[in-house]
Amino acid sequence: MSVDLVARLDDKLRAKRESFDKIPVVDIAPLLDGSNKQAVAKQIRWALSNTGFMYVKNHGIPHEFVDSVFDVSRRFFDLPMPQKMELHVSKSDVALRGYIEPFGENTDPGKTKDLKECFDIGPERPSLEGPFFGPNQWPSTLPEFSELTYAYHQKMVILAKTLLKGIALSLDLQENHFEKLMRNPISIQRLLHYPPQGGYVGENIIGIGAHTDYGNLTILAQDDVGGLQVMNREGDWVEGTPIHGTFVINIGDLIQRLTNDLYLANMHRVVNTSGRERYSIPFFIDADFNSVIEPLASCVTDSNPRRYKLVTCGEHKFGRFAASYAHLAKA
């Protein structure tokens, strides 16, 4: 059956083709090598207080390695559906590991169905320990899949903790501030595939519905297709154009809570009208399941009174997932 790949977007899905000068590309080499951490922290503060997003370059992860993970991700999503469904996320119970079919997770369920398929892994455990912690599921027909994707997960954990040191410095905290909250942090390594959409595209079905991320920090590797849209402070959707050799970094709800809205967990979505398959590799890191998150005293002032009650990381994150996954809603 032929597919009309000429997209006719609903007006509510149009993103402005603006320069991303307002969302800076931050060179984090001086943070990694320690040569000028405060200069990087200053750039991070501007980015996260104004946009909630930034690109980072000179991050230390070889391009060739990232490309190899994209390649194995494409090969996984090319597998027959029955093989992928053998690894369905519902088989992992509350550990939330494995495959999610198109429309199987919906991030804005009151408005949008997500036209995407996913595969999630996390810290390897021999048995189910509770929400977000349990055994990973692996495809038997792609023996290199587990090695590459888990190695990528481990590299992202290290990079994320370094970026969080920069965020701590940007808030005038000790750079090890987050360590006490992250002795056994929740982390999710996700692989994503977005089929192209053609014909009339409305808000009811898009790649991923408008949402903020749930935890602390996201590190996103994009292919060159595009489709990421980020909302600016004026409420306009702006394209998150791929920049080769960078990661897209954004913060989630917990950092916004921690900073009492000084830093912005920004709304974003994906609309793939390129006529091409789109792949991305987001990594999410949070805090320990029982870590308490509440506004920093330094972020509460007379002009910015306390806006949030304390929450625990795991309770907040699992609550957000429960609203997105059909199998959890039925539990």
Protein backbone atom coordinates (compact mmCIF):
# COMPACT_ATOMS: atom_id res chain seq x y z
CA MET A 1 0.00 0.00 0.00
CA SER A 2 1.42 3.37 -0.96
CA VAL A 3 1.86 5.97 1.76
CA ASP A 4 1.40 9.70 1.26
CA LEU A 5 4.63 11.03 2.75
CA VAL A 6 3.82 14.65 2.00
CA ALA A 7 2.77 15.85 5.43
CA ARG A 8 0.08 18.46 5.90
CA LEU A 9 0.53 19.64 9.47
CA ASP A 10 -2.20 20.87 11.72
CA ASP A 11 -1.35 24.47 12.67
CA LYS A 12 -0.84 23.40 16.30
CA LEU A 13 2.05 21.16 15.20
CA ARG A 14 4.05 23.78 13.33
CA ALA A 15 7.45 24.65 14.78
CA LYS A 16 9.26 27.89 14.06
CA ARG A 17 12.45 27.56 12.04
CA GLU A 18 14.46 29.75 14.36
CA SER A 19 18.15 29.91 15.13
CA PHE A 20 19.02 27.92 18.22
CA ASP A 21 21.42 30.60 19.40
CA LYS A 22 19.15 30.94 22.44
CA ILE A 23 19.87 27.32 23.32
CA PRO A 24 23.65 27.29 23.37
CA VAL A 25 26.14 24.68 22.35
CA VAL A 26 28.22 24.21 25.49
CA ASP A 27 31.78 22.93 25.21
CA ILE A 28 32.13 20.72 28.28
CA ALA A 29 35.80 19.82 27.77
CA PRO A 30 36.86 22.25 30.55
CA LEU A 31 34.42 20.50 32.89
CA LEU A 32 35.71 17.04 31.97
CA ASP A 33 39.40 17.92 32.29
CA GLY A 34 38.93 20.31 35.22
CA SER A 35 40.61 23.24 33.48
CA ASN A 36 37.70 25.70 33.87
CA LYS A 37 34.70 24.14 35.57
CA GLN A 38 33.21 27.46 36.64
CA ALA A 39 33.10 28.81 33.09
CA VAL A 40 31.12 25.76 31.99
CA ALA A 41 28.88 26.04 35.06
CA LYS A 42 28.06 29.64 34.12
CA GLN A 43 26.95 28.54 30.63
CA ILE A 44 24.92 25.69 32.11
CA ARG A 45 23.12 28.11 34.44
CA TRP A 46 22.13 30.36 31.55
CA ALA A 47 20.92 27.45 29.42
CA LEU A 48 18.90 25.67 32.09
CA SER A 49 17.32 28.79 33.54
CA ASN A 50 16.28 30.08 30.12
CA THR A 51 15.57 27.02 27.98
CA GLY A 52 15.96 23.83 30.00
CA PHE A 53 17.90 22.46 27.01
CA MET A 54 21.44 22.69 25.69
CA TYR A 55 23.68 20.94 23.22
CA VAL A 56 27.02 19.69 24.55
CA LYS A 57 30.14 19.04 22.50
CA ASN A 58 33.56 17.59 23.31
CA HIS A 59 31.81 15.16 25.65
CA GLY A 60 34.36 12.38 25.29
CA ILE A 61 32.10 9.73 23.72
CA PRO A 62 33.53 8.66 20.33
CA HIS A 63 31.24 9.29 17.34
CA GLU A 64 32.04 5.82 16.00
CA PHE A 65 30.74 4.19 19.17
CA VAL A 66 27.50 6.18 19.08
CA ASP A 67 27.08 5.22 15.41
CA SER A 68 27.50 1.54 16.29
CA VAL A 69 24.65 1.78 18.82
CA PHE A 70 22.44 3.49 16.23
CA ASP A 71 23.25 0.66 13.81
CA VAL A 72 22.33 -2.13 16.23
CA SER A 73 19.20 -0.21 17.23
CA ARG A 74 18.04 -0.10 13.60
CA ARG A 75 18.67 -3.83 13.25
CA PHE A 76 16.64 -4.54 16.36
CA PHE A 77 13.64 -2.52 15.18
CA ASP A 78 13.87 -4.28 11.80
CA LEU A 79 13.17 -7.61 13.50
CA PRO A 80 9.75 -9.19 12.90
CA MET A 81 7.12 -7.95 15.34
CA PRO A 82 6.60 -11.39 16.97
CA GLN A 83 10.30 -11.50 17.92
CA LYS A 84 10.13 -8.04 19.43
CA MET A 85 6.92 -8.81 21.30
CA GLU A 86 8.64 -11.78 22.95
CA LEU A 87 10.59 -9.11 24.87
CA HIS A 88 7.57 -6.97 25.71
CA VAL A 89 7.97 -4.62 28.66
CA SER A 90 4.95 -6.15 30.42
CA LYS A 91 6.98 -9.36 30.89
CA SER A 92 9.41 -7.45 33.12
CA ASP A 93 6.66 -6.42 35.56
CA VAL A 94 7.47 -3.10 37.30
CA ALA A 95 11.15 -3.22 36.27
CA LEU A 96 9.99 -1.71 32.95
CA ARG A 97 12.61 -3.35 30.74
CA GLY A 98 12.09 -4.41 27.16
CA TYR A 99 10.08 -3.61 24.05
CA ILE A 100 7.18 -1.15 23.77
CA GLU A 101 5.14 -1.36 20.57
CA PRO A 102 3.64 1.63 18.69
CA PHE A 103 0.94 3.24 20.85
CA GLY A 104 2.04 1.06 23.79
CA GLU A 105 3.26 4.08 25.77
CA ASN A 106 1.54 7.44 25.51
CA THR A 107 3.18 10.43 27.16
CA ASP A 108 0.25 12.81 26.70
CA PRO A 109 -2.60 10.28 26.84
CA GLY A 110 -5.38 12.83 27.12
CA LYS A 111 -4.47 14.30 23.73
CA THR A 112 -2.02 12.15 21.77
CA LYS A 113 -1.17 8.58 20.81
CA ASP A 114 2.58 8.08 20.38
CA LEU A 115 3.65 6.71 16.99
CA LYS A 116 6.93 5.23 18.18
CA GLU A 117 8.44 1.96 19.31
CA CYS A 118 10.97 1.68 22.09
CA PHE A 119 13.37 -0.65 23.82
CA ASP A 120 14.45 0.04 27.40
CA ILE A 121 17.29 -1.33 29.51
CA GLY A 122 18.70 -0.34 32.88
CA PRO A 123 21.18 -1.42 35.56
CA GLU A 124 21.48 -5.19 35.32
CA ARG A 125 19.96 -7.16 38.21
CA PRO A 126 19.66 -10.96 38.60
CA SER A 127 16.02 -10.76 39.73
CA LEU A 128 13.17 -8.30 40.17
CA GLU A 129 13.88 -5.90 43.03
CA GLY A 130 11.07 -3.39 42.52
CA PRO A 131 10.13 -0.51 40.19
CA PHE A 132 12.92 0.19 37.65
CA PHE A 133 15.24 -2.53 38.99
CA GLY A 134 15.30 -6.04 37.55
CA PRO A 135 16.80 -8.20 34.78
CA ASN A 136 17.16 -6.78 31.30
CA GLN A 137 15.59 -8.63 28.39
CA TRP A 138 17.83 -9.27 25.38
CA PRO A 139 17.13 -10.39 21.78
CA SER A 140 18.72 -13.79 21.19
CA THR A 141 19.09 -13.17 17.45
CA LEU A 142 21.34 -10.11 17.93
CA PRO A 143 24.13 -11.27 20.26
CA GLU A 144 26.03 -7.97 19.92
CA PHE A 145 22.98 -5.96 20.96
CA SER A 146 23.39 -6.46 24.70
CA GLU A 147 27.11 -5.70 24.72
CA LEU A 148 26.79 -2.46 22.75
CA THR A 149 23.69 -1.04 24.39
CA TYR A 150 24.77 -1.88 27.92
CA ALA A 151 28.23 -0.41 27.31
CA TYR A 152 26.49 2.73 26.07
CA HIS A 153 24.36 2.80 29.23
CA GLN A 154 27.45 2.61 31.40
CA LYS A 155 29.18 5.43 29.52
CA MET A 156 26.06 7.57 29.87
CA VAL A 157 25.96 7.01 33.64
CA ILE A 158 29.50 8.40 33.91
CA LEU A 159 28.79 11.35 31.60
CA ALA A 160 25.52 12.16 33.40
CA LYS A 161 27.21 12.25 36.79
CA THR A 162 29.83 14.63 35.37
CA LEU A 163 27.13 16.89 33.94
CA LEU A 164 25.38 16.88 37.30
CA LYS A 165 28.61 18.12 38.87
CA GLY A 166 28.44 21.04 36.45
CA ILE A 167 24.79 21.63 37.37
CA ALA A 168 25.69 21.58 41.07
CA LEU A 169 28.42 24.18 40.49
CA SER A 170 25.98 26.26 38.45
CA LEU A 171 23.76 26.43 41.56
CA ASP A 172 26.71 27.45 43.79
CA LEU A 173 26.70 24.02 45.43
CA GLN A 174 29.58 21.67 46.05
CA GLU A 175 30.21 19.72 42.87
CA ASN A 176 29.56 16.42 44.66
CA HIS A 177 26.13 17.60 45.89
CA PHE A 178 24.18 15.01 43.89
CA GLU A 179 26.36 12.06 44.88
CA LYS A 180 24.52 11.49 48.17
CA LEU A 181 21.26 11.24 46.22
CA MET A 182 22.68 8.85 43.62
CA ARG A 183 24.28 5.87 45.31
CA ASN A 184 22.00 3.50 43.37
CA PRO A 185 20.19 5.77 40.92
CA ILE A 186 17.32 4.90 38.64
CA SER A 187 18.54 5.00 35.04
CA ILE A 188 16.95 4.03 31.76
CA GLN A 189 18.72 3.57 28.44
CA ARG A 190 16.11 3.83 25.70
CA LEU A 191 16.26 3.13 21.98
CA LEU A 192 13.57 4.82 19.87
CA HIS A 193 12.21 4.39 16.36
CA TYR A 194 9.73 6.84 14.83
CA PRO A 195 8.06 5.88 11.53
CA PRO A 196 7.50 8.81 9.16
CA GLN A 197 4.06 10.37 8.95
CA GLY A 198 2.40 11.63 5.80
CA GLY A 199 -0.93 13.08 4.80
CA TYR A 200 -2.73 15.19 7.37
CA VAL A 201 -0.95 15.12 10.74
CA GLY A 202 -2.87 16.35 13.76
CA GLU A 203 -2.13 16.34 17.47
CA ASN A 204 -4.02 13.08 18.04
CA ILE A 205 -1.20 10.93 16.57
CA ILE A 206 2.42 12.16 16.49
CA GLY A 207 5.81 10.62 17.25
CA ILE A 208 5.69 11.50 20.93
CA GLY A 209 3.25 13.77 22.68
CA ALA A 210 4.15 16.95 24.53
CA HIS A 211 5.74 16.19 27.90
CA THR A 212 8.43 17.09 30.35
CA ASP A 213 10.93 14.44 31.38
CA TYR A 214 10.28 12.84 34.72
CA GLY A 215 13.59 12.77 36.57
CA ASN A 216 16.89 14.60 36.82
CA LEU A 217 18.69 14.62 33.48
CA THR A 218 18.35 13.38 29.90
CA ILE A 219 21.17 12.83 27.40
CA LEU A 220 19.85 12.46 23.86
CA ALA A 221 21.69 11.27 20.76
CA GLN A 222 19.79 12.17 17.58
CA ASP A 223 20.21 10.96 14.04
CA ASP A 224 20.18 13.56 11.26
CA VAL A 225 16.45 13.35 10.51
CA GLY A 226 15.14 15.92 12.97
CA GLY A 227 11.67 16.12 14.47
CA LEU A 228 12.39 17.22 18.05
CA GLN A 229 10.40 20.30 19.01
CA VAL A 230 11.00 22.33 22.17
CA MET A 231 8.64 24.91 23.64
CA ASN A 232 10.16 28.30 24.41
CA ARG A 233 9.03 30.60 27.21
CA GLU A 234 6.60 32.33 24.87
CA GLY A 235 4.81 29.03 24.25
CA ASP A 236 6.08 28.65 20.67
CA TRP A 237 7.40 25.31 19.39
CA VAL A 238 10.97 25.57 18.08
CA GLU A 239 12.82 22.88 16.13
CA GLY A 240 15.64 21.07 17.95
CA THR A 241 17.81 20.75 14.87
CA PRO A 242 20.39 17.92 15.05
CA ILE A 243 24.00 19.10 15.38
CA HIS A 244 26.57 16.45 14.47
CA GLY A 245 28.84 15.37 17.30
CA THR A 246 26.69 16.77 20.09
CA PHE A 247 24.24 15.42 22.61
CA VAL A 248 21.06 17.25 23.51
CA ILE A 249 20.81 17.70 27.27
CA ASN A 250 17.67 18.61 29.13
CA ILE A 251 16.58 18.50 32.73
CA GLY A 252 13.49 16.85 34.12
CA ASP A 253 10.83 17.57 36.73
CA LEU A 254 13.02 16.74 39.72
CA ILE A 255 15.64 19.38 38.91
CA GLN A 256 12.88 21.93 38.36
CA ARG A 257 11.50 21.02 41.80
CA LEU A 258 14.97 21.11 43.36
CA THR A 259 15.59 24.61 41.98
CA ASN A 260 12.09 25.87 42.81
CA ASP A 261 11.49 26.73 39.13
CA LEU A 262 14.80 28.53 38.70
CA TYR A 263 15.67 25.85 36.14
CA LEU A 264 13.10 24.80 33.58
CA ALA A 265 12.01 21.24 32.75
CA ASN A 266 10.80 22.20 29.32
CA MET A 267 7.95 20.76 27.28
CA HIS A 268 9.04 18.91 24.15
CA ARG A 269 7.64 16.48 21.58
CA VAL A 270 8.57 14.70 18.34
CA VAL A 271 6.81 15.19 14.99
CA ASN A 272 8.43 13.13 12.23
CA THR A 273 7.21 14.42 8.87
CA SER A 274 10.59 13.96 7.16
CA GLY A 275 9.47 11.02 5.02
CA ARG A 276 12.30 9.01 6.66
CA GLU A 277 12.62 6.66 9.59
CA ARG A 278 13.86 8.54 12.67
CA TYR A 279 15.99 6.96 15.40
CA SER A 280 17.17 8.44 18.67
CA ILE A 281 18.91 7.20 21.81
CA PRO A 282 17.84 9.00 24.99
CA PHE A 283 19.36 8.17 28.36
CA PHE A 284 17.57 9.15 31.57
CA ILE A 285 19.17 9.35 35.00
CA ASP A 286 17.41 10.21 38.21
CA ALA A 287 18.25 9.70 41.86
CA ASP A 288 17.94 6.76 44.25
CA PHE A 289 14.38 5.45 44.53
CA ASN A 290 13.97 6.78 48.09
CA SER A 291 15.91 10.02 47.65
CA VAL A 292 13.95 13.01 48.90
CA ILE A 293 13.68 15.92 46.47
CA GLU A 294 12.62 19.34 47.74
CA PRO A 295 13.54 22.93 46.86
CA LEU A 296 17.02 24.07 47.80
CA ALA A 297 17.03 26.70 50.52
CA SER A 298 19.12 28.94 48.25
CA CYS A 299 16.36 28.85 45.61
CA VAL A 300 13.60 29.94 47.99
CA THR A 301 13.34 33.71 48.45
CA ASP A 302 10.72 36.33 49.22
CA SER A 303 10.30 36.93 45.50
CA ASN A 304 10.31 33.18 44.71
CA PRO A 305 8.54 31.43 47.60
CA ARG A 306 8.62 27.68 47.98
CA ARG A 307 6.53 26.11 45.19
CA TYR A 308 6.84 22.37 45.84
CA LYS A 309 6.36 19.87 48.62
CA LEU A 310 8.96 17.17 49.01
CA VAL A 311 8.65 14.00 46.95
CA THR A 312 10.69 10.85 46.69
CA CYS A 313 12.30 10.22 43.33
CA GLY A 314 10.86 6.74 42.79
CA GLU A 315 7.32 7.62 43.81
CA HIS A 316 7.27 10.61 41.47
CA LYS A 317 8.79 8.79 38.51
CA PHE A 318 6.74 5.61 38.82
CA GLY A 319 3.57 7.66 39.09
CA ARG A 320 4.36 9.34 35.79
CA PHE A 321 5.08 5.99 34.11
CA ALA A 322 1.89 4.44 35.46
CA ALA A 323 -0.08 7.10 33.59
CA SER A 324 1.71 6.26 30.32
CA TYR A 325 1.79 2.44 30.23
CA ALA A 326 -1.33 0.42 29.51
CA HIS A 327 -0.13 -2.66 31.41
CA LEU A 328 0.50 -0.61 34.56
CA ALA A 329 -2.88 1.06 34.37
CA LYS A 330 -4.50 -2.40 34.37
CA ALA A 331 -2.47 -3.61 37.34
